[in-house]
Amino acid sequence: MTLILTHIQDHIMTTMLCRELAEEIVAIHHQLQRSQAREEAHI
């Protein structure tokens, strides 16, 4: 039973990390879009 719970916990932690990374990627993408829009406005 302990092995199964450890395996489940590993999956949960991996999923949380994946979600956190995805949120960071989306935030960086939005920052890049805003930065590019500002540059285009100055040209």
C-alpha atoms as a PDB file:
ATOM      1  CA  MET A   1       0.000   0.000   0.000  1.00  0.00           C
ATOM      2  CA  THR A   2       2.852   2.404   0.830  1.00  0.00           C
ATOM      3  CA  LEU A   3       4.374   1.837  -2.620  1.00  0.00           C
ATOM      4  CA  ILE A   4       1.083   2.760  -4.309  1.00  0.00           C
ATOM      5  CA  LEU A   5       0.702   5.914  -2.198  1.00  0.00           C
ATOM      6  CA  THR A   6       4.295   6.895  -2.980  1.00  0.00           C
ATOM      7  CA  HIS A   7       3.615   6.362  -6.685  1.00  0.00           C
ATOM      8  CA  ILE A   8       0.444   8.464  -6.505  1.00  0.00           C
ATOM      9  CA  GLN A   9       2.296  11.213  -4.655  1.00  0.00           C
ATOM     10  CA  ASP A  10       5.004  11.181  -7.334  1.00  0.00           C
ATOM     11  CA  HIS A  11       2.355  11.614 -10.043  1.00  0.00           C
ATOM     12  CA  ILE A  12       0.721  14.470  -8.144  1.00  0.00           C
ATOM     13  CA  MET A  13       4.039  16.282  -7.667  1.00  0.00           C
ATOM     14  CA  THR A  14       4.941  15.808 -11.344  1.00  0.00           C
ATOM     15  CA  THR A  15       1.542  17.151 -12.393  1.00  0.00           C
ATOM     16  CA  MET A  16       1.884  20.186 -10.116  1.00  0.00           C
ATOM     17  CA  LEU A  17       5.345  20.918 -11.517  1.00  0.00           C
ATOM     18  CA  CYS A  18       4.087  20.574 -15.091  1.00  0.00           C
ATOM     19  CA  ARG A  19       1.211  22.965 -14.400  1.00  0.00           C
ATOM     20  CA  GLU A  20       3.556  25.478 -12.764  1.00  0.00           C
ATOM     21  CA  LEU A  21       5.898  25.349 -15.762  1.00  0.00           C
ATOM     22  CA  ALA A  22       2.986  25.810 -18.176  1.00  0.00           C
ATOM     23  CA  GLU A  23       1.787  28.875 -16.249  1.00  0.00           C
ATOM     24  CA  GLU A  24       5.307  30.360 -16.365  1.00  0.00           C
ATOM     25  CA  ILE A  25       5.563  29.747 -20.120  1.00  0.00           C
ATOM     26  CA  VAL A  26       2.203  31.456 -20.703  1.00  0.00           C
ATOM     27  CA  ALA A  27       3.265  34.440 -18.571  1.00  0.00           C
ATOM     28  CA  ILE A  28       6.548  34.791 -20.466  1.00  0.00           C
ATOM     29  CA  HIS A  29       4.698  34.539 -23.776  1.00  0.00           C
ATOM     30  CA  HIS A  30       2.337  37.354 -22.744  1.00  0.00           C
ATOM     31  CA  GLN A  31       5.295  39.513 -21.676  1.00  0.00           C
ATOM     32  CA  LEU A  32       6.968  38.953 -25.045  1.00  0.00           C
ATOM     33  CA  GLN A  33       3.778  39.858 -26.895  1.00  0.00           C
ATOM     34  CA  ARG A  34       3.443  43.113 -24.937  1.00  0.00           C
ATOM     35  CA  SER A  35       7.106  43.940 -25.509  1.00  0.00           C
ATOM     36  CA  GLN A  36       6.825  43.301 -29.252  1.00  0.00           C
ATOM     37  CA  ALA A  37       3.657  45.386 -29.473  1.00  0.00           C
ATOM     38  CA  ARG A  38       5.432  48.313 -27.776  1.00  0.00           C
ATOM     39  CA  GLU A  39       8.375  48.018 -30.169  1.00  0.00           C
ATOM     40  CA  GLU A  40       6.082  47.981 -33.191  1.00  0.00           C
ATOM     41  CA  ALA A  41       4.274  51.054 -31.883  1.00  0.00           C
ATOM     42  CA  HIS A  42       7.574  52.965 -31.732  1.00  0.00           C
ATOM     43  CA  ILE A  43       8.551  52.093 -35.309  1.00  0.00           C
END
